[in-house]
C-alpha cells in the first residue's frame, strides 16, 4: 500500500481522476486533518491555563499561528477543488448516502472557514495584528472588541461541532472500507488513481 502511494506521488499524479484524488488533494486533506485535531487539542489545553502559567501567552500564540496556516491551506484546497473536480461517488452509494456525504462536506468546509475567521476576529478585536510564528503579521482589518465573548463562544461551539462531524466522517469512511468494502478510503489515500 505504501509503495502505491509513493508511486502516485512520484508519478506526478497531481490532478484528481474519476477514480481517485491526486497527491495535492490527498496531502491537503491529511495535513489539514492533523492540523485540525492539533488546533482542537491545543485550544482545549490553553483555555485551562492559569494567568501565571508560562504557556498562558505562548499557547494561544501557537494556536493563532497554526490557525492562520490552516486557513491558508484551506484557501488553497478550495481553489484546487474548484479547478480540479473530485472523483465520482462509489456506484454502490445509495442516493441518501450521496446526499449525506455531499452535505457533510459542505458543512465541514463552512466550519473550516468560520472557525479561523472567528479566531481572527477574536485575536484582532483590540486592533493588534496576528503574528505567525514571528515570520509575518496578519493585520487587524476589523476591530470587534465588544463582541469578543460572543465570538469566543461561537468559536468554541463550532470547534466542538467540527470535531463531532470529523468523527462521524471518519466513522463513515471506515464503515465503507471495512463493511461495504468499497474504495472510499483508497481514493483519499491516493491509492485508487486511474485516469
N, C-alpha and C. Protein backbone atom coordinates (compact mmCIF):
# COMPACT_ATOMS: atom_id res chain seq x y z
N UNK A 1 0.83 -1.18 0.00
CA UNK A 1 0.00 0.00 0.00
C UNK A 1 0.88 1.26 0.00
N UNK A 2 1.91 1.28 0.84
CA UNK A 2 2.81 2.43 0.90
C UNK A 2 3.54 2.61 -0.43
N UNK A 3 3.89 1.51 -1.07
CA UNK A 3 4.57 1.58 -2.36
C UNK A 3 3.69 2.24 -3.41
N UNK A 4 2.39 1.91 -3.43
CA UNK A 4 1.48 2.53 -4.39
C UNK A 4 1.36 4.02 -4.15
N UNK A 5 1.36 4.43 -2.87
CA UNK A 5 1.29 5.85 -2.54
C UNK A 5 2.55 6.56 -3.02
N UNK A 6 3.70 5.95 -2.81
CA UNK A 6 4.96 6.54 -3.28
C UNK A 6 4.96 6.66 -4.80
N UNK A 7 4.45 5.63 -5.49
CA UNK A 7 4.37 5.68 -6.95
C UNK A 7 3.45 6.80 -7.40
N UNK A 8 2.33 6.99 -6.70
CA UNK A 8 1.39 8.05 -7.06
C UNK A 8 2.06 9.42 -6.89
N UNK A 9 2.80 9.60 -5.78
CA UNK A 9 3.49 10.87 -5.56
C UNK A 9 4.59 11.07 -6.59
N UNK A 10 5.35 10.03 -6.84
CA UNK A 10 6.45 10.13 -7.80
C UNK A 10 5.98 10.20 -9.23
N UNK A 11 4.81 9.68 -9.51
CA UNK A 11 4.29 9.64 -10.87
C UNK A 11 3.70 10.95 -11.33
N UNK A 12 3.70 11.96 -10.47
CA UNK A 12 3.22 13.26 -10.88
C UNK A 12 1.71 13.35 -11.02
N UNK A 13 0.97 12.46 -10.34
CA UNK A 13 -0.48 12.48 -10.45
C UNK A 13 -1.03 13.55 -9.51
N UNK A 14 -0.80 14.79 -9.89
CA UNK A 14 -1.22 15.89 -9.04
C UNK A 14 -2.73 16.09 -9.13
N UNK A 15 -3.28 15.89 -10.31
CA UNK A 15 -4.71 16.13 -10.52
C UNK A 15 -5.54 14.91 -10.13
N UNK A 16 -6.76 15.19 -9.70
CA UNK A 16 -7.70 14.11 -9.41
C UNK A 16 -8.10 13.42 -10.72
N UNK A 17 -8.54 12.19 -10.59
CA UNK A 17 -9.11 11.48 -11.73
C UNK A 17 -10.54 11.11 -11.38
N UNK A 18 -11.19 10.36 -12.24
CA UNK A 18 -12.56 9.92 -11.97
C UNK A 18 -12.61 8.93 -10.82
N UNK A 19 -11.48 8.27 -10.56
CA UNK A 19 -11.48 7.20 -9.55
C UNK A 19 -10.71 7.52 -8.28
N UNK A 20 -9.94 8.61 -8.27
CA UNK A 20 -9.15 8.90 -7.07
C UNK A 20 -8.65 10.32 -7.02
N UNK A 21 -8.17 10.70 -5.84
CA UNK A 21 -7.62 12.03 -5.64
C UNK A 21 -6.15 12.05 -6.00
N UNK A 22 -5.68 13.16 -6.55
CA UNK A 22 -4.26 13.35 -6.83
C UNK A 22 -3.52 13.64 -5.54
N UNK A 23 -2.19 13.70 -5.64
CA UNK A 23 -1.39 13.83 -4.43
C UNK A 23 -1.59 15.17 -3.73
N UNK A 24 -1.90 16.25 -4.47
CA UNK A 24 -2.09 17.53 -3.81
C UNK A 24 -3.34 17.51 -2.94
N UNK A 25 -4.46 17.04 -3.48
CA UNK A 25 -5.70 16.96 -2.70
C UNK A 25 -5.52 16.02 -1.50
N UNK A 26 -4.85 14.91 -1.72
CA UNK A 26 -4.61 13.94 -0.65
C UNK A 26 -3.76 14.55 0.46
N UNK A 27 -2.68 15.21 0.08
CA UNK A 27 -1.78 15.82 1.06
C UNK A 27 -2.50 16.91 1.84
N UNK A 28 -3.26 17.75 1.14
CA UNK A 28 -4.00 18.82 1.82
C UNK A 28 -5.02 18.23 2.80
N UNK A 29 -5.73 17.19 2.38
CA UNK A 29 -6.74 16.56 3.23
C UNK A 29 -6.13 16.09 4.55
N UNK A 30 -5.05 15.32 4.46
CA UNK A 30 -4.46 14.72 5.66
C UNK A 30 -3.69 15.74 6.50
N UNK A 31 -3.02 16.68 5.86
CA UNK A 31 -2.31 17.72 6.60
C UNK A 31 -3.31 18.58 7.38
N UNK A 32 -4.41 18.93 6.73
CA UNK A 32 -5.42 19.75 7.40
C UNK A 32 -6.14 18.96 8.49
N UNK A 33 -6.33 17.67 8.28
CA UNK A 33 -6.95 16.84 9.33
C UNK A 33 -6.05 16.83 10.58
N UNK A 34 -4.75 16.67 10.39
CA UNK A 34 -3.82 16.69 11.52
C UNK A 34 -3.81 18.06 12.20
N UNK A 35 -3.79 19.11 11.40
CA UNK A 35 -3.80 20.46 11.96
C UNK A 35 -5.09 20.73 12.73
N UNK A 36 -6.20 20.28 12.20
CA UNK A 36 -7.49 20.50 12.86
C UNK A 36 -7.52 19.84 14.24
N UNK A 37 -7.06 18.60 14.29
CA UNK A 37 -7.03 17.89 15.57
C UNK A 37 -6.04 18.57 16.52
N UNK A 38 -4.88 18.99 16.00
CA UNK A 38 -3.89 19.68 16.84
C UNK A 38 -4.44 21.00 17.37
N UNK A 39 -5.11 21.75 16.51
CA UNK A 39 -5.70 23.02 16.94
C UNK A 39 -6.77 22.81 18.00
N UNK A 40 -7.58 21.78 17.84
CA UNK A 40 -8.62 21.49 18.82
C UNK A 40 -7.99 21.12 20.17
N UNK A 41 -7.02 20.22 20.13
CA UNK A 41 -6.34 19.81 21.36
C UNK A 41 -5.63 20.98 22.04
N UNK A 42 -4.96 21.78 21.25
CA UNK A 42 -4.26 22.95 21.78
C UNK A 42 -5.26 23.94 22.37
N UNK A 43 -6.39 24.12 21.69
CA UNK A 43 -7.42 25.02 22.19
C UNK A 43 -7.98 24.56 23.53
N UNK A 44 -8.25 23.26 23.64
CA UNK A 44 -8.75 22.72 24.90
C UNK A 44 -7.73 22.93 26.03
N UNK A 45 -6.47 22.67 25.72
CA UNK A 45 -5.43 22.79 26.72
C UNK A 45 -5.22 24.23 27.14
N UNK A 46 -5.19 25.16 26.18
CA UNK A 46 -4.82 26.54 26.52
C UNK A 46 -5.90 27.26 27.31
N UNK A 47 -7.18 26.87 27.16
CA UNK A 47 -8.21 27.55 27.95
C UNK A 47 -8.16 27.11 29.41
N UNK A 48 -7.41 26.05 29.69
CA UNK A 48 -7.29 25.60 31.09
C UNK A 48 -6.08 26.23 31.78
N UNK A 49 -5.28 27.00 31.04
CA UNK A 49 -4.07 27.59 31.62
C UNK A 49 -4.41 28.75 32.53
N UNK A 50 -3.69 28.85 33.63
CA UNK A 50 -3.83 29.98 34.54
C UNK A 50 -3.02 31.17 34.05
N UNK A 51 -3.36 32.34 34.55
CA UNK A 51 -2.71 33.58 34.12
C UNK A 51 -1.19 33.54 34.32
N UNK A 52 -0.73 32.89 35.37
CA UNK A 52 0.71 32.86 35.67
C UNK A 52 1.43 31.66 35.06
N UNK A 53 0.72 30.87 34.31
CA UNK A 53 1.35 29.74 33.64
C UNK A 53 2.28 30.26 32.54
N UNK A 54 3.48 29.68 32.41
CA UNK A 54 4.41 30.17 31.38
C UNK A 54 3.87 30.02 29.95
N UNK A 55 2.90 29.13 29.77
CA UNK A 55 2.33 28.92 28.43
C UNK A 55 1.09 29.77 28.19
N UNK A 56 0.71 30.62 29.15
CA UNK A 56 -0.51 31.41 29.04
C UNK A 56 -0.51 32.30 27.79
N UNK A 57 0.65 32.83 27.43
CA UNK A 57 0.77 33.65 26.23
C UNK A 57 1.25 32.82 25.05
N UNK A 58 2.18 31.91 25.31
CA UNK A 58 2.77 31.10 24.24
C UNK A 58 1.77 30.16 23.58
N UNK A 59 0.91 29.50 24.38
CA UNK A 59 -0.07 28.56 23.83
C UNK A 59 -1.01 29.20 22.83
N UNK A 60 -1.66 30.32 23.20
CA UNK A 60 -2.53 30.99 22.23
C UNK A 60 -1.78 31.51 21.00
N UNK A 61 -0.52 31.95 21.18
CA UNK A 61 0.27 32.43 20.04
C UNK A 61 0.49 31.30 19.03
N UNK A 62 0.80 30.10 19.53
CA UNK A 62 0.97 28.94 18.65
C UNK A 62 -0.37 28.59 17.99
N UNK A 63 -1.44 28.63 18.77
CA UNK A 63 -2.78 28.33 18.26
C UNK A 63 -3.14 29.29 17.12
N UNK A 64 -2.90 30.58 17.33
CA UNK A 64 -3.21 31.57 16.28
C UNK A 64 -2.36 31.34 15.04
N UNK A 65 -1.07 31.06 15.24
CA UNK A 65 -0.18 30.84 14.09
C UNK A 65 -0.63 29.63 13.28
N UNK A 66 -0.91 28.54 13.98
CA UNK A 66 -1.38 27.33 13.27
C UNK A 66 -2.73 27.59 12.61
N UNK A 67 -3.58 28.40 13.23
CA UNK A 67 -4.87 28.74 12.65
C UNK A 67 -4.73 29.49 11.34
N UNK A 68 -3.78 30.42 11.27
CA UNK A 68 -3.53 31.17 10.03
C UNK A 68 -3.03 30.22 8.94
N UNK A 69 -2.12 29.33 9.31
CA UNK A 69 -1.61 28.34 8.34
C UNK A 69 -2.74 27.44 7.86
N UNK A 70 -3.58 27.00 8.79
CA UNK A 70 -4.74 26.18 8.43
C UNK A 70 -5.62 26.92 7.43
N UNK A 71 -5.89 28.19 7.69
CA UNK A 71 -6.75 28.97 6.81
C UNK A 71 -6.13 29.11 5.42
N UNK A 72 -4.82 29.34 5.36
CA UNK A 72 -4.14 29.46 4.06
C UNK A 72 -4.24 28.15 3.28
N UNK A 73 -4.05 27.03 3.97
CA UNK A 73 -4.19 25.72 3.32
C UNK A 73 -5.62 25.50 2.85
N UNK A 74 -6.58 25.97 3.64
CA UNK A 74 -7.99 25.83 3.26
C UNK A 74 -8.29 26.61 1.99
N UNK A 75 -7.78 27.82 1.88
CA UNK A 75 -8.00 28.62 0.67
C UNK A 75 -7.40 27.88 -0.53
N UNK A 76 -6.19 27.36 -0.38
CA UNK A 76 -5.57 26.58 -1.46
C UNK A 76 -6.43 25.36 -1.80
N UNK A 77 -6.93 24.69 -0.78
CA UNK A 77 -7.76 23.49 -1.00
C UNK A 77 -9.05 23.83 -1.74
N UNK A 78 -9.68 24.93 -1.37
CA UNK A 78 -10.92 25.33 -2.04
C UNK A 78 -10.65 25.69 -3.50
N UNK A 79 -9.60 26.45 -3.73
CA UNK A 79 -9.25 26.82 -5.11
C UNK A 79 -8.95 25.56 -5.92
N UNK A 80 -8.18 24.64 -5.33
CA UNK A 80 -7.84 23.40 -6.03
C UNK A 80 -9.09 22.59 -6.35
N UNK A 81 -10.02 22.57 -5.41
CA UNK A 81 -11.25 21.81 -5.62
C UNK A 81 -12.09 22.44 -6.73
N UNK A 82 -12.09 23.75 -6.84
CA UNK A 82 -12.87 24.44 -7.87
C UNK A 82 -12.32 24.19 -9.27
N UNK A 83 -10.99 24.08 -9.37
CA UNK A 83 -10.38 23.88 -10.69
C UNK A 83 -10.10 22.41 -11.00
N UNK A 84 -10.33 21.55 -10.03
CA UNK A 84 -9.98 20.14 -10.17
C UNK A 84 -11.06 19.31 -9.49
N UNK A 85 -12.12 18.97 -10.21
CA UNK A 85 -13.27 18.29 -9.58
C UNK A 85 -12.89 17.01 -8.85
N UNK A 86 -13.72 16.69 -7.85
CA UNK A 86 -13.48 15.50 -7.05
C UNK A 86 -13.90 14.24 -7.80
N UNK A 87 -13.34 13.10 -7.42
CA UNK A 87 -13.74 11.83 -8.05
C UNK A 87 -15.22 11.52 -7.81
N UNK A 88 -15.76 10.68 -8.66
CA UNK A 88 -17.17 10.30 -8.53
C UNK A 88 -17.39 9.46 -7.29
N UNK A 89 -18.63 9.50 -6.78
CA UNK A 89 -19.00 8.62 -5.67
C UNK A 89 -18.94 7.17 -6.13
N UNK A 90 -18.81 6.29 -5.17
CA UNK A 90 -18.89 4.86 -5.46
C UNK A 90 -20.27 4.56 -6.05
N UNK A 91 -20.33 3.70 -7.03
CA UNK A 91 -21.61 3.39 -7.68
C UNK A 91 -22.59 2.72 -6.73
N UNK A 92 -22.07 2.07 -5.70
CA UNK A 92 -22.95 1.38 -4.74
C UNK A 92 -23.60 2.33 -3.74
N UNK A 93 -23.17 3.59 -3.70
CA UNK A 93 -23.76 4.55 -2.77
C UNK A 93 -25.23 4.75 -3.11
N UNK A 94 -26.08 4.66 -2.09
CA UNK A 94 -27.49 4.99 -2.27
C UNK A 94 -27.64 6.50 -2.40
N UNK A 95 -28.77 6.94 -2.92
CA UNK A 95 -29.00 8.38 -3.10
C UNK A 95 -28.87 9.13 -1.78
N UNK A 96 -29.39 8.55 -0.69
CA UNK A 96 -29.31 9.23 0.61
C UNK A 96 -27.87 9.33 1.10
N UNK A 97 -27.03 8.33 0.75
CA UNK A 97 -25.62 8.37 1.15
C UNK A 97 -24.88 9.48 0.39
N UNK A 98 -25.20 9.62 -0.89
CA UNK A 98 -24.58 10.69 -1.69
C UNK A 98 -24.97 12.06 -1.15
N UNK A 99 -26.26 12.21 -0.83
CA UNK A 99 -26.75 13.47 -0.28
C UNK A 99 -26.07 13.77 1.05
N UNK A 100 -26.02 12.78 1.92
CA UNK A 100 -25.43 12.96 3.24
C UNK A 100 -23.93 13.27 3.14
N UNK A 101 -23.23 12.56 2.26
CA UNK A 101 -21.80 12.80 2.09
C UNK A 101 -21.53 14.20 1.55
N UNK A 102 -22.31 14.63 0.56
CA UNK A 102 -22.14 15.97 0.00
C UNK A 102 -22.46 17.04 1.03
N UNK A 103 -23.55 16.85 1.75
CA UNK A 103 -23.94 17.82 2.78
C UNK A 103 -22.86 17.91 3.85
N UNK A 104 -22.35 16.77 4.29
CA UNK A 104 -21.29 16.74 5.30
C UNK A 104 -20.06 17.50 4.82
N UNK A 105 -19.68 17.31 3.56
CA UNK A 105 -18.50 18.00 3.04
C UNK A 105 -18.70 19.52 3.04
N UNK A 106 -19.88 19.96 2.62
CA UNK A 106 -20.15 21.41 2.59
C UNK A 106 -20.18 22.00 4.00
N UNK A 107 -20.77 21.28 4.94
CA UNK A 107 -20.81 21.77 6.33
C UNK A 107 -19.40 21.83 6.90
N UNK A 108 -18.58 20.80 6.61
CA UNK A 108 -17.20 20.82 7.09
C UNK A 108 -16.43 22.00 6.50
N UNK A 109 -16.59 22.24 5.20
CA UNK A 109 -15.92 23.39 4.58
C UNK A 109 -16.38 24.70 5.21
N UNK A 110 -17.69 24.83 5.45
CA UNK A 110 -18.22 26.05 6.06
C UNK A 110 -17.61 26.26 7.45
N UNK A 111 -17.59 25.21 8.26
CA UNK A 111 -17.00 25.31 9.59
C UNK A 111 -15.50 25.60 9.53
N UNK A 112 -14.81 24.97 8.56
CA UNK A 112 -13.38 25.22 8.44
C UNK A 112 -13.10 26.67 8.04
N UNK A 113 -14.06 27.33 7.41
CA UNK A 113 -13.93 28.76 7.10
C UNK A 113 -14.29 29.62 8.31
N UNK A 114 -15.41 29.31 8.95
CA UNK A 114 -15.92 30.16 10.03
C UNK A 114 -15.07 30.10 11.30
N UNK A 115 -14.51 28.96 11.61
CA UNK A 115 -13.73 28.85 12.85
C UNK A 115 -12.48 29.73 12.79
N UNK A 116 -11.66 29.67 11.73
CA UNK A 116 -10.50 30.56 11.70
C UNK A 116 -10.88 32.04 11.58
N UNK A 117 -11.98 32.33 10.88
CA UNK A 117 -12.41 33.73 10.79
C UNK A 117 -12.80 34.25 12.17
N UNK A 118 -13.55 33.45 12.92
CA UNK A 118 -13.92 33.89 14.27
C UNK A 118 -12.68 34.02 15.15
N UNK A 119 -11.73 33.10 14.99
CA UNK A 119 -10.48 33.19 15.76
C UNK A 119 -9.70 34.46 15.41
N UNK A 120 -9.67 34.79 14.13
CA UNK A 120 -9.01 36.03 13.69
C UNK A 120 -9.69 37.24 14.30
N UNK A 121 -11.02 37.26 14.28
CA UNK A 121 -11.77 38.40 14.82
C UNK A 121 -11.57 38.54 16.34
N UNK A 122 -11.45 37.40 17.03
CA UNK A 122 -11.16 37.44 18.47
C UNK A 122 -9.76 38.01 18.70
N UNK A 123 -8.80 37.52 17.92
CA UNK A 123 -7.39 37.89 18.11
C UNK A 123 -7.11 39.34 17.76
N UNK A 124 -7.85 39.89 16.81
CA UNK A 124 -7.59 41.26 16.35
C UNK A 124 -8.62 42.25 16.90
N UNK A 125 -9.42 41.84 17.85
CA UNK A 125 -10.52 42.68 18.36
C UNK A 125 -10.03 44.02 18.90
N UNK A 126 -8.83 44.07 19.44
CA UNK A 126 -8.30 45.32 20.01
C UNK A 126 -7.34 46.02 19.07
N UNK A 127 -7.33 45.61 17.81
CA UNK A 127 -6.51 46.28 16.81
C UNK A 127 -5.10 45.75 16.65
N UNK A 128 -4.76 44.69 17.37
CA UNK A 128 -3.42 44.12 17.26
C UNK A 128 -3.38 43.09 16.14
N UNK A 129 -2.29 43.05 15.37
CA UNK A 129 -2.18 42.04 14.31
C UNK A 129 -1.92 40.65 14.90
N UNK A 130 -2.10 39.65 14.06
CA UNK A 130 -1.79 38.27 14.44
C UNK A 130 -0.40 37.94 13.91
N UNK A 131 0.52 37.65 14.81
CA UNK A 131 1.87 37.25 14.40
C UNK A 131 1.87 35.75 14.13
N UNK A 132 2.42 35.37 12.99
CA UNK A 132 2.50 33.96 12.61
C UNK A 132 3.93 33.50 12.84
N UNK A 133 4.17 32.94 14.04
CA UNK A 133 5.48 32.43 14.45
C UNK A 133 6.58 33.48 14.30
N UNK A 134 6.21 34.76 14.29
CA UNK A 134 7.21 35.82 14.13
C UNK A 134 7.68 36.00 12.70
N UNK A 135 7.14 35.20 11.78
CA UNK A 135 7.56 35.28 10.37
C UNK A 135 6.93 36.49 9.68
N UNK A 136 5.65 36.71 9.94
CA UNK A 136 4.92 37.84 9.36
C UNK A 136 3.69 38.08 10.22
N UNK A 137 3.08 39.24 10.02
CA UNK A 137 1.86 39.59 10.75
C UNK A 137 0.67 39.67 9.81
N UNK A 138 -0.47 39.24 10.30
CA UNK A 138 -1.73 39.42 9.60
C UNK A 138 -2.39 40.64 10.27
N UNK A 139 -2.61 41.72 9.50
CA UNK A 139 -3.10 42.94 10.13
C UNK A 139 -4.53 42.82 10.65
N UNK A 140 -4.85 43.67 11.60
CA UNK A 140 -6.21 43.74 12.15
C UNK A 140 -7.03 44.64 11.24
N UNK A 141 -7.87 44.03 10.44
CA UNK A 141 -8.69 44.80 9.50
C UNK A 141 -10.01 45.24 10.11
N UNK A 142 -10.51 44.45 11.05
CA UNK A 142 -11.79 44.75 11.71
C UNK A 142 -11.57 44.64 13.22
N UNK A 143 -12.09 45.61 13.96
CA UNK A 143 -11.96 45.58 15.41
C UNK A 143 -13.34 45.42 16.04
N UNK A 144 -13.58 44.28 16.63
CA UNK A 144 -14.89 43.97 17.24
C UNK A 144 -14.73 43.72 18.73
N UNK A 145 -14.10 44.64 19.41
CA UNK A 145 -13.78 44.46 20.83
C UNK A 145 -15.00 44.12 21.68
N UNK A 146 -16.16 44.71 21.37
CA UNK A 146 -17.36 44.47 22.16
C UNK A 146 -17.98 43.10 21.95
N UNK A 147 -17.48 42.35 20.98
CA UNK A 147 -18.07 41.05 20.64
C UNK A 147 -17.16 39.87 20.95
N UNK A 148 -16.07 40.11 21.67
CA UNK A 148 -15.09 39.06 21.92
C UNK A 148 -15.70 37.86 22.63
N UNK A 149 -16.51 38.09 23.66
CA UNK A 149 -17.10 36.97 24.40
C UNK A 149 -18.03 36.16 23.51
N UNK A 150 -18.87 36.82 22.73
CA UNK A 150 -19.78 36.13 21.82
C UNK A 150 -19.00 35.35 20.76
N UNK A 151 -18.00 35.99 20.17
CA UNK A 151 -17.17 35.32 19.17
C UNK A 151 -16.45 34.12 19.78
N UNK A 152 -15.99 34.26 21.01
CA UNK A 152 -15.32 33.15 21.70
C UNK A 152 -16.25 31.98 21.90
N UNK A 153 -17.51 32.25 22.26
CA UNK A 153 -18.48 31.17 22.42
C UNK A 153 -18.75 30.48 21.08
N UNK A 154 -18.93 31.27 20.02
CA UNK A 154 -19.16 30.67 18.70
C UNK A 154 -17.95 29.84 18.27
N UNK A 155 -16.77 30.39 18.49
CA UNK A 155 -15.53 29.70 18.12
C UNK A 155 -15.46 28.33 18.81
N UNK A 156 -15.76 28.31 20.11
CA UNK A 156 -15.71 27.05 20.86
C UNK A 156 -16.79 26.07 20.40
N UNK A 157 -18.01 26.56 20.23
CA UNK A 157 -19.10 25.66 19.80
C UNK A 157 -18.84 25.09 18.40
N UNK A 158 -18.34 25.94 17.50
CA UNK A 158 -18.05 25.45 16.15
C UNK A 158 -16.90 24.44 16.18
N UNK A 159 -15.93 24.67 17.05
CA UNK A 159 -14.81 23.72 17.17
C UNK A 159 -15.31 22.36 17.65
N UNK A 160 -16.19 22.36 18.66
CA UNK A 160 -16.75 21.09 19.12
C UNK A 160 -17.60 20.43 18.03
N UNK A 161 -18.37 21.23 17.31
CA UNK A 161 -19.21 20.69 16.24
C UNK A 161 -18.36 20.06 15.14
N UNK A 162 -17.29 20.72 14.75
CA UNK A 162 -16.47 20.17 13.67
C UNK A 162 -15.79 18.87 14.11
N UNK A 163 -15.41 18.78 15.39
CA UNK A 163 -14.80 17.54 15.87
C UNK A 163 -15.81 16.40 15.83
N UNK A 164 -17.04 16.68 16.25
CA UNK A 164 -18.10 15.65 16.18
C UNK A 164 -18.31 15.22 14.73
N UNK A 165 -18.37 16.18 13.81
CA UNK A 165 -18.57 15.85 12.40
C UNK A 165 -17.38 15.10 11.80
N UNK A 166 -16.17 15.44 12.23
CA UNK A 166 -14.98 14.73 11.76
C UNK A 166 -15.02 13.27 12.23
N UNK A 167 -15.44 13.05 13.46
CA UNK A 167 -15.56 11.68 13.97
C UNK A 167 -16.60 10.91 13.16
N UNK A 168 -17.73 11.54 12.86
CA UNK A 168 -18.76 10.90 12.02
C UNK A 168 -18.24 10.63 10.61
N UNK A 169 -17.52 11.60 10.07
CA UNK A 169 -16.93 11.47 8.73
C UNK A 169 -15.95 10.29 8.69
N UNK A 170 -15.08 10.21 9.69
CA UNK A 170 -14.10 9.11 9.75
C UNK A 170 -14.80 7.77 9.97
N UNK A 171 -15.84 7.78 10.79
CA UNK A 171 -16.59 6.54 11.04
C UNK A 171 -17.26 6.04 9.76
N UNK A 172 -17.83 6.97 9.01
CA UNK A 172 -18.47 6.59 7.74
C UNK A 172 -17.43 6.04 6.77
N UNK A 173 -16.26 6.67 6.72
CA UNK A 173 -15.20 6.18 5.83
C UNK A 173 -14.76 4.77 6.22
N UNK A 174 -14.60 4.53 7.52
CA UNK A 174 -14.21 3.20 7.99
C UNK A 174 -15.30 2.17 7.71
N UNK A 175 -16.56 2.57 7.86
CA UNK A 175 -17.69 1.67 7.55
C UNK A 175 -17.65 1.28 6.08
N UNK A 176 -17.41 2.28 5.21
CA UNK A 176 -17.36 1.98 3.77
C UNK A 176 -16.17 1.08 3.43
N UNK A 177 -15.06 1.26 4.14
CA UNK A 177 -13.88 0.46 3.84
C UNK A 177 -14.00 -0.97 4.36
N UNK A 178 -14.40 -1.12 5.62
CA UNK A 178 -14.38 -2.44 6.24
C UNK A 178 -15.67 -3.23 6.08
N UNK A 179 -16.80 -2.56 6.01
CA UNK A 179 -18.07 -3.28 5.90
C UNK A 179 -18.53 -3.35 4.45
N UNK A 180 -18.59 -2.18 3.79
CA UNK A 180 -19.04 -2.15 2.40
C UNK A 180 -17.95 -2.60 1.43
N UNK A 181 -16.69 -2.53 1.88
CA UNK A 181 -15.52 -2.93 1.09
C UNK A 181 -15.44 -2.18 -0.24
N UNK A 182 -15.70 -0.86 -0.18
CA UNK A 182 -15.56 -0.05 -1.38
C UNK A 182 -14.23 0.71 -1.34
N UNK A 183 -14.01 1.58 -2.32
CA UNK A 183 -12.72 2.26 -2.47
C UNK A 183 -12.69 3.67 -1.88
N UNK A 184 -13.63 4.01 -1.02
CA UNK A 184 -13.69 5.38 -0.50
C UNK A 184 -12.39 5.82 0.16
N UNK A 185 -11.86 5.01 1.06
CA UNK A 185 -10.62 5.39 1.75
C UNK A 185 -9.43 5.33 0.79
N UNK A 186 -9.43 4.35 -0.09
CA UNK A 186 -8.33 4.25 -1.05
C UNK A 186 -8.24 5.51 -1.92
N UNK A 187 -9.38 6.12 -2.21
CA UNK A 187 -9.39 7.34 -3.03
C UNK A 187 -8.65 8.47 -2.31
N UNK A 188 -8.96 8.69 -1.04
CA UNK A 188 -8.37 9.82 -0.33
C UNK A 188 -6.95 9.52 0.14
N UNK A 189 -6.55 8.27 0.08
CA UNK A 189 -5.15 7.92 0.34
C UNK A 189 -4.30 8.00 -0.94
N UNK A 190 -4.97 8.28 -2.06
CA UNK A 190 -4.25 8.38 -3.34
C UNK A 190 -3.87 7.03 -3.91
N UNK A 191 -4.55 5.97 -3.48
CA UNK A 191 -4.20 4.61 -3.90
C UNK A 191 -5.10 4.07 -5.00
N UNK A 192 -6.04 4.84 -5.45
CA UNK A 192 -7.00 4.36 -6.45
C UNK A 192 -7.07 5.36 -7.58
N UNK A 193 -5.93 5.72 -8.11
CA UNK A 193 -5.84 6.82 -9.07
C UNK A 193 -5.62 6.29 -10.48
N UNK A 194 -6.70 6.20 -11.22
CA UNK A 194 -6.63 5.82 -12.63
C UNK A 194 -7.25 6.93 -13.45
N UNK A 195 -6.74 7.14 -14.62
CA UNK A 195 -7.30 8.21 -15.48
C UNK A 195 -8.58 7.82 -16.14
